[in-house]
């Protein structure tokens, strides 16, 4: 075998190895990403059914229900649509009705968003940019509805 053929073989093997490594890295990144969706996106089935994502909006006034142990249920709204959320754990200190919230989890079998983590806004002047954008979009004429009524 000529030296030229050996170099081409090494180059081809290196490219195949690089391709396999890139595929593994992108697969790992994709499984760890969590995208943001508003209640309107969830009602319109734009959110993935089998993937973890973030749901953001405002906690609807009067919707907070405390259940067994540390289970809490509440509604997240973007003023156009509403999604029911269930969370088991300790809520952040700043969590309150009428305040901005982002819940990370996935849609449960009964159409209730099951949150693994709940994040609340950090002061009265701040709202996560994703939530603010979702609320702005909802104010621009989206039809009203409730997911899973």
N, C-alpha and C. Protein backbone atom coordinates (compact mmCIF):
# COMPACT_ATOMS: atom_id res chain seq x y z
N UNK A 1 0.84 -1.17 0.00
CA UNK A 1 0.00 0.00 0.00
C UNK A 1 0.89 1.24 0.00
N UNK A 2 0.54 2.19 -0.83
CA UNK A 2 1.32 3.40 -0.93
C UNK A 2 1.04 4.32 0.26
N UNK A 3 1.97 5.23 0.51
CA UNK A 3 1.83 6.18 1.61
C UNK A 3 0.60 7.08 1.41
N UNK A 4 0.33 7.37 0.16
CA UNK A 4 -0.83 8.21 -0.16
C UNK A 4 -2.13 7.52 0.25
N UNK A 5 -2.25 6.24 0.00
CA UNK A 5 -3.44 5.48 0.36
C UNK A 5 -3.59 5.38 1.88
N UNK A 6 -2.44 5.24 2.58
CA UNK A 6 -2.49 5.19 4.04
C UNK A 6 -3.01 6.51 4.61
N UNK A 7 -2.52 7.63 4.04
CA UNK A 7 -2.98 8.94 4.51
C UNK A 7 -4.48 9.11 4.26
N UNK A 8 -4.96 8.68 3.12
CA UNK A 8 -6.40 8.77 2.81
C UNK A 8 -7.20 7.89 3.77
N UNK A 9 -6.68 6.73 4.11
CA UNK A 9 -7.36 5.84 5.05
C UNK A 9 -7.46 6.47 6.44
N UNK A 10 -6.33 7.06 6.89
CA UNK A 10 -6.34 7.74 8.19
C UNK A 10 -7.30 8.93 8.18
N UNK A 11 -7.32 9.67 7.08
CA UNK A 11 -8.20 10.82 6.95
C UNK A 11 -9.67 10.38 6.98
N UNK A 12 -9.99 9.32 6.26
CA UNK A 12 -11.36 8.81 6.24
C UNK A 12 -11.77 8.31 7.63
N UNK A 13 -10.89 7.58 8.31
CA UNK A 13 -11.19 7.08 9.65
C UNK A 13 -11.38 8.25 10.63
N UNK A 14 -10.55 9.28 10.48
CA UNK A 14 -10.68 10.47 11.33
C UNK A 14 -12.00 11.18 11.11
N UNK A 15 -12.42 11.32 9.86
CA UNK A 15 -13.70 11.96 9.55
C UNK A 15 -14.88 11.16 10.09
N UNK A 16 -14.81 9.84 9.99
CA UNK A 16 -15.88 9.00 10.52
C UNK A 16 -15.94 9.14 12.04
N UNK A 17 -14.78 9.13 12.69
CA UNK A 17 -14.73 9.30 14.15
C UNK A 17 -15.27 10.66 14.58
N UNK A 18 -14.91 11.70 13.84
CA UNK A 18 -15.41 13.05 14.11
C UNK A 18 -16.93 13.11 13.94
N UNK A 19 -17.44 12.46 12.92
CA UNK A 19 -18.90 12.42 12.69
C UNK A 19 -19.63 11.71 13.82
N UNK A 20 -19.09 10.59 14.28
CA UNK A 20 -19.70 9.85 15.39
C UNK A 20 -19.69 10.69 16.66
N UNK A 21 -18.55 11.35 16.93
CA UNK A 21 -18.45 12.19 18.13
C UNK A 21 -19.43 13.35 18.07
N UNK A 22 -19.56 14.00 16.90
CA UNK A 22 -20.50 15.12 16.75
C UNK A 22 -21.94 14.65 16.94
N UNK A 23 -22.27 13.48 16.42
CA UNK A 23 -23.62 12.94 16.59
C UNK A 23 -23.92 12.68 18.06
N UNK A 24 -22.99 12.11 18.78
CA UNK A 24 -23.19 11.85 20.20
C UNK A 24 -23.35 13.15 20.99
N UNK A 25 -22.56 14.15 20.69
CA UNK A 25 -22.64 15.44 21.39
C UNK A 25 -24.00 16.10 21.12
N UNK A 26 -24.43 16.14 19.87
CA UNK A 26 -25.70 16.77 19.55
C UNK A 26 -26.89 16.01 20.15
N UNK A 27 -26.81 14.69 20.21
CA UNK A 27 -27.87 13.91 20.88
C UNK A 27 -27.94 14.24 22.36
N UNK A 28 -26.80 14.34 23.01
CA UNK A 28 -26.76 14.67 24.44
C UNK A 28 -27.30 16.07 24.68
N UNK A 29 -26.94 17.01 23.84
CA UNK A 29 -27.44 18.39 23.99
C UNK A 29 -28.95 18.44 23.79
N UNK A 30 -29.45 17.75 22.80
CA UNK A 30 -30.89 17.78 22.51
C UNK A 30 -31.70 17.21 23.66
N UNK A 31 -31.21 16.16 24.30
CA UNK A 31 -31.97 15.57 25.40
C UNK A 31 -31.92 16.44 26.66
N UNK A 32 -30.97 17.36 26.77
CA UNK A 32 -30.86 18.23 27.93
C UNK A 32 -31.47 19.61 27.74
N UNK A 33 -31.88 19.95 26.53
CA UNK A 33 -32.49 21.25 26.29
C UNK A 33 -33.93 21.25 26.77
N UNK A 34 -34.37 22.37 27.32
CA UNK A 34 -35.78 22.49 27.65
C UNK A 34 -36.28 23.81 27.06
N UNK A 35 -37.19 23.72 26.13
CA UNK A 35 -37.70 24.87 25.43
C UNK A 35 -38.83 25.52 26.21
N UNK A 36 -39.08 26.80 25.95
CA UNK A 36 -40.13 27.55 26.61
C UNK A 36 -41.38 27.57 25.74
N UNK A 37 -42.54 27.34 26.38
CA UNK A 37 -43.82 27.42 25.70
C UNK A 37 -44.81 28.18 26.58
N UNK A 38 -45.67 28.95 25.96
CA UNK A 38 -46.72 29.66 26.68
C UNK A 38 -47.95 28.77 26.76
N UNK A 39 -48.92 29.10 27.62
CA UNK A 39 -50.16 28.32 27.65
C UNK A 39 -50.87 28.26 26.29
N UNK A 40 -50.78 29.32 25.51
CA UNK A 40 -51.38 29.31 24.17
C UNK A 40 -50.71 28.26 23.30
N UNK A 41 -49.38 28.17 23.36
CA UNK A 41 -48.65 27.15 22.59
C UNK A 41 -49.07 25.75 23.01
N UNK A 42 -49.25 25.55 24.32
CA UNK A 42 -49.63 24.22 24.83
C UNK A 42 -51.04 23.87 24.36
N UNK A 43 -51.98 24.82 24.44
CA UNK A 43 -53.35 24.57 24.01
C UNK A 43 -53.40 24.26 22.51
N UNK A 44 -52.53 24.91 21.73
CA UNK A 44 -52.48 24.68 20.28
C UNK A 44 -51.61 23.49 19.90
N UNK A 45 -51.20 22.68 20.89
CA UNK A 45 -50.39 21.47 20.68
C UNK A 45 -49.05 21.74 19.99
N UNK A 46 -48.45 22.89 20.25
CA UNK A 46 -47.12 23.19 19.71
C UNK A 46 -46.02 22.65 20.63
N UNK A 47 -46.36 22.33 21.87
CA UNK A 47 -45.38 21.81 22.83
C UNK A 47 -45.22 20.30 22.63
N UNK A 48 -44.02 19.77 22.83
CA UNK A 48 -43.80 18.33 22.65
C UNK A 48 -44.48 17.53 23.76
N UNK A 49 -45.06 16.42 23.39
CA UNK A 49 -45.78 15.60 24.37
C UNK A 49 -44.83 14.72 25.19
N UNK A 50 -43.69 14.38 24.64
CA UNK A 50 -42.80 13.41 25.28
C UNK A 50 -41.46 14.01 25.70
N UNK A 51 -41.40 15.32 25.87
CA UNK A 51 -40.13 15.98 26.16
C UNK A 51 -40.34 16.99 27.28
N UNK A 52 -39.30 17.20 28.09
CA UNK A 52 -39.37 18.20 29.16
C UNK A 52 -39.30 19.59 28.53
N UNK A 53 -40.16 20.48 28.97
CA UNK A 53 -40.14 21.86 28.50
C UNK A 53 -40.57 22.79 29.62
N UNK A 54 -40.44 24.08 29.39
CA UNK A 54 -40.82 25.09 30.38
C UNK A 54 -42.12 25.75 29.96
N UNK A 55 -43.02 25.87 30.92
CA UNK A 55 -44.30 26.53 30.72
C UNK A 55 -44.28 27.81 31.54
N UNK A 56 -44.55 28.93 30.91
CA UNK A 56 -44.48 30.19 31.63
C UNK A 56 -45.70 31.05 31.42
N UNK A 57 -46.00 31.85 32.42
CA UNK A 57 -47.12 32.77 32.37
C UNK A 57 -47.36 33.35 33.75
N UNK A 58 -48.59 33.71 34.00
CA UNK A 58 -48.98 34.26 35.30
C UNK A 58 -49.82 33.22 36.04
N UNK A 59 -49.66 33.16 37.36
CA UNK A 59 -50.50 32.28 38.18
C UNK A 59 -51.87 32.96 38.29
N UNK A 60 -52.91 32.27 37.83
CA UNK A 60 -54.24 32.87 37.82
C UNK A 60 -54.75 33.09 39.24
N UNK A 61 -55.36 34.24 39.46
CA UNK A 61 -55.92 34.59 40.77
C UNK A 61 -56.97 33.55 41.18
N UNK A 62 -56.91 33.10 42.42
CA UNK A 62 -57.90 32.18 42.96
C UNK A 62 -57.77 30.74 42.49
N UNK A 63 -56.67 30.39 41.83
CA UNK A 63 -56.55 29.04 41.29
C UNK A 63 -55.68 28.12 42.14
N UNK A 64 -55.04 28.62 43.15
CA UNK A 64 -54.11 27.83 43.97
C UNK A 64 -54.88 26.86 44.86
N UNK A 65 -54.59 25.55 44.71
CA UNK A 65 -55.22 24.50 45.51
C UNK A 65 -54.12 23.68 46.18
N UNK A 66 -54.16 23.60 47.47
CA UNK A 66 -53.19 22.77 48.19
C UNK A 66 -53.81 21.41 48.40
N UNK A 67 -53.04 20.35 48.12
CA UNK A 67 -53.54 18.99 48.24
C UNK A 67 -52.83 18.23 49.34
N UNK A 68 -52.72 16.93 49.16
CA UNK A 68 -52.03 16.05 50.11
C UNK A 68 -50.55 16.39 50.18
N UNK A 69 -50.00 16.36 51.40
CA UNK A 69 -48.56 16.57 51.60
C UNK A 69 -48.11 17.90 51.00
N UNK A 70 -47.21 17.86 50.04
CA UNK A 70 -46.68 19.08 49.44
C UNK A 70 -47.20 19.30 48.02
N UNK A 71 -48.28 18.63 47.64
CA UNK A 71 -48.82 18.77 46.30
C UNK A 71 -49.64 20.05 46.18
N UNK A 72 -49.37 20.79 45.12
CA UNK A 72 -50.06 22.04 44.85
C UNK A 72 -50.52 22.02 43.40
N UNK A 73 -51.74 22.50 43.16
CA UNK A 73 -52.26 22.65 41.80
C UNK A 73 -52.63 24.11 41.60
N UNK A 74 -52.33 24.61 40.42
CA UNK A 74 -52.68 25.99 40.10
C UNK A 74 -52.78 26.13 38.58
N UNK A 75 -53.34 27.24 38.13
CA UNK A 75 -53.50 27.51 36.71
C UNK A 75 -52.47 28.55 36.28
N UNK A 76 -51.84 28.31 35.14
CA UNK A 76 -50.92 29.26 34.54
C UNK A 76 -51.61 29.83 33.30
N UNK A 77 -51.65 31.15 33.21
CA UNK A 77 -52.35 31.79 32.11
C UNK A 77 -51.47 32.82 31.43
N UNK A 78 -51.74 33.05 30.15
CA UNK A 78 -51.11 34.15 29.43
C UNK A 78 -52.19 35.15 29.01
N UNK A 79 -53.29 35.13 29.71
CA UNK A 79 -54.50 35.94 29.52
C UNK A 79 -55.34 35.50 28.32
N UNK A 80 -54.81 34.64 27.48
CA UNK A 80 -55.58 34.12 26.36
C UNK A 80 -55.97 32.67 26.60
N UNK A 81 -55.09 31.89 27.19
CA UNK A 81 -55.33 30.48 27.46
C UNK A 81 -54.78 30.12 28.83
N UNK A 82 -55.24 28.99 29.34
CA UNK A 82 -54.88 28.56 30.69
C UNK A 82 -54.50 27.09 30.67
N UNK A 83 -53.48 26.73 31.46
CA UNK A 83 -53.06 25.33 31.59
C UNK A 83 -52.98 25.00 33.08
N UNK A 84 -53.52 23.84 33.46
CA UNK A 84 -53.47 23.40 34.84
C UNK A 84 -52.11 22.77 35.12
N UNK A 85 -51.51 23.13 36.26
CA UNK A 85 -50.18 22.65 36.64
C UNK A 85 -50.27 21.95 37.98
N UNK A 86 -49.59 20.83 38.12
CA UNK A 86 -49.48 20.12 39.40
C UNK A 86 -48.00 20.05 39.76
N UNK A 87 -47.71 20.36 41.02
CA UNK A 87 -46.33 20.37 41.48
C UNK A 87 -46.27 19.79 42.88
N UNK A 88 -45.33 18.90 43.11
CA UNK A 88 -45.11 18.34 44.44
C UNK A 88 -43.73 18.79 44.92
N UNK A 89 -43.73 19.60 45.96
CA UNK A 89 -42.48 20.11 46.49
C UNK A 89 -42.72 21.44 47.18
N UNK A 90 -41.65 22.06 47.57
CA UNK A 90 -41.73 23.34 48.26
C UNK A 90 -41.68 24.45 47.21
N UNK A 91 -42.68 25.31 47.23
CA UNK A 91 -42.74 26.42 46.29
C UNK A 91 -41.75 27.51 46.69
N UNK A 92 -41.24 28.28 45.72
CA UNK A 92 -40.35 29.39 46.05
C UNK A 92 -41.07 30.42 46.94
N UNK A 93 -40.31 31.16 47.72
CA UNK A 93 -40.89 32.17 48.61
C UNK A 93 -41.68 33.23 47.86
N UNK A 94 -41.26 33.58 46.66
CA UNK A 94 -41.91 34.64 45.90
C UNK A 94 -43.09 34.15 45.07
N UNK A 95 -43.43 32.87 45.17
CA UNK A 95 -44.56 32.33 44.42
C UNK A 95 -45.85 32.89 45.01
N UNK A 96 -46.70 33.44 44.16
CA UNK A 96 -48.00 33.97 44.60
C UNK A 96 -48.94 34.06 43.41
N UNK A 97 -50.22 34.10 43.69
CA UNK A 97 -51.22 34.28 42.63
C UNK A 97 -51.05 35.66 42.03
N UNK A 98 -51.22 35.73 40.70
CA UNK A 98 -51.08 37.00 40.00
C UNK A 98 -49.64 37.35 39.68
N UNK A 99 -48.70 36.48 39.98
CA UNK A 99 -47.28 36.72 39.73
C UNK A 99 -46.79 35.83 38.58
N UNK A 100 -45.68 36.23 37.97
CA UNK A 100 -45.07 35.46 36.90
C UNK A 100 -44.44 34.19 37.43
N UNK A 101 -44.51 33.13 36.63
CA UNK A 101 -43.97 31.84 37.04
C UNK A 101 -43.50 31.08 35.80
N UNK A 102 -42.46 30.27 35.99
CA UNK A 102 -42.02 29.33 34.96
C UNK A 102 -41.95 27.97 35.62
N UNK A 103 -42.64 26.99 35.05
CA UNK A 103 -42.63 25.63 35.57
C UNK A 103 -41.96 24.73 34.54
N UNK A 104 -41.05 23.88 35.00
CA UNK A 104 -40.37 22.95 34.10
C UNK A 104 -40.87 21.55 34.38
N UNK A 105 -41.27 20.84 33.34
CA UNK A 105 -41.78 19.48 33.47
C UNK A 105 -42.30 18.99 32.14
N UNK A 106 -43.31 18.12 32.21
CA UNK A 106 -43.91 17.60 30.98
C UNK A 106 -45.40 17.40 31.18
N UNK A 107 -46.12 17.29 30.08
CA UNK A 107 -47.57 17.13 30.13
C UNK A 107 -47.89 15.72 30.61
N UNK A 108 -48.76 15.63 31.60
CA UNK A 108 -49.16 14.35 32.17
C UNK A 108 -50.25 13.69 31.35
N UNK A 109 -50.61 12.46 31.71
CA UNK A 109 -51.60 11.71 30.95
C UNK A 109 -53.00 12.32 30.99
N UNK A 110 -53.36 13.04 32.05
CA UNK A 110 -54.70 13.64 32.15
C UNK A 110 -54.73 15.05 31.56
N UNK A 111 -53.66 15.46 30.89
CA UNK A 111 -53.61 16.80 30.33
C UNK A 111 -53.22 17.86 31.33
N UNK A 112 -52.73 17.44 32.49
CA UNK A 112 -52.23 18.37 33.50
C UNK A 112 -50.72 18.42 33.38
N UNK A 113 -50.17 19.62 33.35
CA UNK A 113 -48.72 19.78 33.28
C UNK A 113 -48.13 19.41 34.63
N UNK A 114 -47.27 18.39 34.65
CA UNK A 114 -46.65 17.92 35.90
C UNK A 114 -45.26 18.56 35.98
N UNK A 115 -45.11 19.49 36.92
CA UNK A 115 -43.86 20.25 37.04
C UNK A 115 -42.88 19.55 37.96
N UNK A 116 -41.62 19.54 37.56
CA UNK A 116 -40.54 19.04 38.41
C UNK A 116 -39.89 20.20 39.17
N UNK A 117 -40.03 21.40 38.61
CA UNK A 117 -39.41 22.58 39.19
C UNK A 117 -40.29 23.79 38.91
N UNK A 118 -40.42 24.68 39.89
CA UNK A 118 -41.19 25.91 39.72
C UNK A 118 -40.29 27.08 40.08
N UNK A 119 -40.22 28.04 39.16
CA UNK A 119 -39.41 29.24 39.37
C UNK A 119 -40.34 30.44 39.42
N UNK A 120 -40.15 31.32 40.39
CA UNK A 120 -40.96 32.52 40.52
C UNK A 120 -40.12 33.73 40.17
N UNK A 121 -40.78 34.80 39.81
CA UNK A 121 -40.04 36.03 39.50
C UNK A 121 -39.29 36.51 40.73
N UNK A 122 -38.26 37.30 40.54
CA UNK A 122 -37.41 37.62 41.68
C UNK A 122 -37.67 38.97 42.34
N UNK A 123 -38.40 39.87 41.74
CA UNK A 123 -38.87 41.08 42.43
C UNK A 123 -40.02 41.69 41.66
N UNK A 124 -40.59 42.76 42.18
CA UNK A 124 -41.82 43.29 41.58
C UNK A 124 -41.60 43.95 40.23
N UNK A 125 -40.37 44.22 39.84
CA UNK A 125 -40.11 44.87 38.56
C UNK A 125 -39.67 43.92 37.47
N UNK A 126 -39.38 42.68 37.82
CA UNK A 126 -38.80 41.75 36.85
C UNK A 126 -39.82 40.72 36.41
N UNK A 127 -39.80 40.41 35.11
CA UNK A 127 -40.57 39.30 34.57
C UNK A 127 -39.67 38.63 33.55
N UNK A 128 -39.58 37.30 33.56
CA UNK A 128 -38.74 36.62 32.57
C UNK A 128 -39.12 37.06 31.15
N UNK A 129 -38.14 37.31 30.28
CA UNK A 129 -38.44 37.80 28.94
C UNK A 129 -39.39 36.89 28.17
N UNK A 130 -39.26 35.58 28.36
CA UNK A 130 -40.14 34.64 27.66
C UNK A 130 -41.59 34.84 28.08
N UNK A 131 -41.81 35.05 29.38
CA UNK A 131 -43.17 35.25 29.89
C UNK A 131 -43.72 36.57 29.37
N UNK A 132 -42.92 37.63 29.39
CA UNK A 132 -43.37 38.93 28.89
C UNK A 132 -43.74 38.84 27.42
N UNK A 133 -42.92 38.14 26.61
CA UNK A 133 -43.23 37.98 25.19
C UNK A 133 -44.52 37.18 24.98
N UNK A 134 -44.70 36.12 25.77
CA UNK A 134 -45.90 35.30 25.65
C UNK A 134 -47.14 36.11 26.02
N UNK A 135 -47.05 36.93 27.07
CA UNK A 135 -48.18 37.77 27.46
C UNK A 135 -48.49 38.81 26.39
N UNK A 136 -47.46 39.38 25.78
CA UNK A 136 -47.67 40.35 24.70
C UNK A 136 -48.36 39.70 23.51
N UNK A 137 -47.92 38.49 23.13
CA UNK A 137 -48.55 37.79 22.01
C UNK A 137 -50.00 37.47 22.32
N UNK A 138 -50.29 37.08 23.56
CA UNK A 138 -51.65 36.73 23.95
C UNK A 138 -52.57 37.94 23.90
N UNK A 139 -52.05 39.12 24.20
CA UNK A 139 -52.87 40.33 24.18
C UNK A 139 -53.24 40.75 22.77
N UNK A 140 -52.57 40.19 21.77
CA UNK A 140 -52.81 40.60 20.39
C UNK A 140 -53.86 39.75 19.70
N UNK A 141 -54.93 39.41 20.42
CA UNK A 141 -56.08 38.82 19.77
C UNK A 141 -56.16 37.32 19.71
N UNK A 142 -55.45 36.60 20.54
CA UNK A 142 -55.56 35.15 20.55
C UNK A 142 -56.89 34.75 21.19
N UNK A 143 -57.55 33.69 20.70
CA UNK A 143 -58.82 33.27 21.28
C UNK A 143 -58.62 32.71 22.70
N UNK A 144 -59.63 32.87 23.52
CA UNK A 144 -59.53 32.37 24.90
C UNK A 144 -59.93 30.90 24.96
N UNK A 145 -59.28 30.19 25.88
CA UNK A 145 -59.60 28.79 26.06
C UNK A 145 -58.83 28.25 27.24
N UNK A 146 -59.26 27.10 27.70
CA UNK A 146 -58.60 26.46 28.83
C UNK A 146 -58.20 25.07 28.38
N UNK A 147 -56.94 24.72 28.57
CA UNK A 147 -56.50 23.38 28.27
C UNK A 147 -57.12 22.44 29.29
N UNK A 148 -57.75 21.38 28.77
CA UNK A 148 -58.25 20.36 29.68
C UNK A 148 -59.38 20.79 30.56
N UNK A 149 -60.30 21.45 30.07
CA UNK A 149 -61.42 21.89 30.90
C UNK A 149 -62.38 20.78 31.16
